[in-house]
Amino acid sequence: MSGKRGPTKTTQADASRIQSAQARNGQDTGKGAFSARVQSAAAKNANAAAAAPKPPSKAAPATPTSPKK
């Protein structure tokens, strides 16, 4: 791999893949296990993304209406 990459957030899909792989290999997936900690981090990332303020939309400005006669 070449070039630098910034840190990436763990997604719920990432956590699911890790938990599935550990379960297939007979590793612990219970409370305190690596896969459980990853699942927790993924949930926090998803909640933080949902709670982040959204930038204002670039909607067209309202057109002024002419006064009624």
Protein backbone atom coordinates (compact mmCIF):
# COMPACT_ATOMS: atom_id res chain seq x y z
CA MET A 1 0.00 0.00 0.00
CA SER A 2 1.41 3.37 -0.87
CA GLY A 3 0.50 6.79 0.40
CA LYS A 4 -0.86 7.90 3.71
CA ARG A 5 -4.40 7.37 4.82
CA GLY A 6 -6.23 9.05 7.62
CA PRO A 7 -7.87 7.12 10.41
CA THR A 8 -11.05 5.34 9.46
CA LYS A 9 -14.02 4.68 11.69
CA THR A 10 -15.14 1.12 12.31
CA THR A 11 -18.51 0.47 10.69
CA GLN A 12 -21.20 -1.94 11.76
CA ALA A 13 -20.39 -4.05 8.69
CA ASP A 14 -16.75 -4.26 9.84
CA ALA A 15 -17.84 -5.37 13.30
CA SER A 16 -20.16 -7.99 11.82
CA ARG A 17 -17.34 -9.43 9.69
CA ILE A 18 -15.01 -9.63 12.68
CA GLN A 19 -17.61 -11.26 14.91
CA SER A 20 -18.53 -13.77 12.21
CA ALA A 21 -14.90 -14.70 11.60
CA GLN A 22 -14.23 -15.17 15.31
CA ALA A 23 -17.35 -17.30 15.74
CA ARG A 24 -16.37 -19.50 12.77
CA ASN A 25 -12.94 -20.03 14.33
CA GLY A 26 -14.41 -20.96 17.70
CA GLN A 27 -13.13 -17.84 19.43
CA ASP A 28 -14.98 -16.03 22.20
CA THR A 29 -17.52 -13.48 21.01
CA GLY A 30 -19.08 -12.72 24.40
CA LYS A 31 -18.88 -9.71 26.64
CA GLY A 32 -15.35 -8.31 26.83
CA ALA A 33 -14.14 -10.18 23.74
CA PHE A 34 -12.47 -8.25 20.92
CA SER A 35 -15.49 -8.63 18.65
CA ALA A 36 -17.78 -7.24 21.36
CA ARG A 37 -15.52 -4.20 21.81
CA VAL A 38 -15.47 -3.64 18.05
CA GLN A 39 -19.27 -3.88 17.94
CA SER A 40 -19.49 -1.27 20.69
CA ALA A 41 -17.12 1.08 18.84
CA ALA A 42 -19.10 0.66 15.61
CA ALA A 43 -22.36 1.49 17.39
CA LYS A 44 -20.81 4.62 18.92
CA ASN A 45 -19.52 5.70 15.51
CA ALA A 46 -22.95 5.19 13.93
CA ASN A 47 -24.65 7.16 16.70
CA ALA A 48 -22.11 9.98 16.44
CA ALA A 49 -22.62 10.19 12.68
CA ALA A 50 -26.40 10.30 13.11
CA ALA A 51 -26.17 13.03 15.75
CA ALA A 52 -23.67 15.19 13.82
CA PRO A 53 -25.08 18.52 12.66
CA LYS A 54 -25.91 18.59 9.00
CA PRO A 55 -24.59 21.44 6.84
CA PRO A 56 -27.25 23.79 5.51
CA SER A 57 -28.79 22.67 2.25
CA LYS A 58 -28.14 24.60 -0.91
CA ALA A 59 -31.79 25.05 -1.77
CA ALA A 60 -32.78 27.74 -4.21
CA PRO A 61 -33.62 31.03 -2.52
CA ALA A 62 -37.29 31.75 -2.12
CA THR A 63 -38.66 33.95 -4.88
CA PRO A 64 -40.49 37.00 -3.64
CA THR A 65 -44.17 37.07 -4.49
CA SER A 66 -45.74 40.16 -5.95
CA PRO A 67 -48.29 41.87 -3.73
CA LYS A 68 -51.91 41.13 -4.53
CA LYS A 69 -53.86 44.00 -6.01
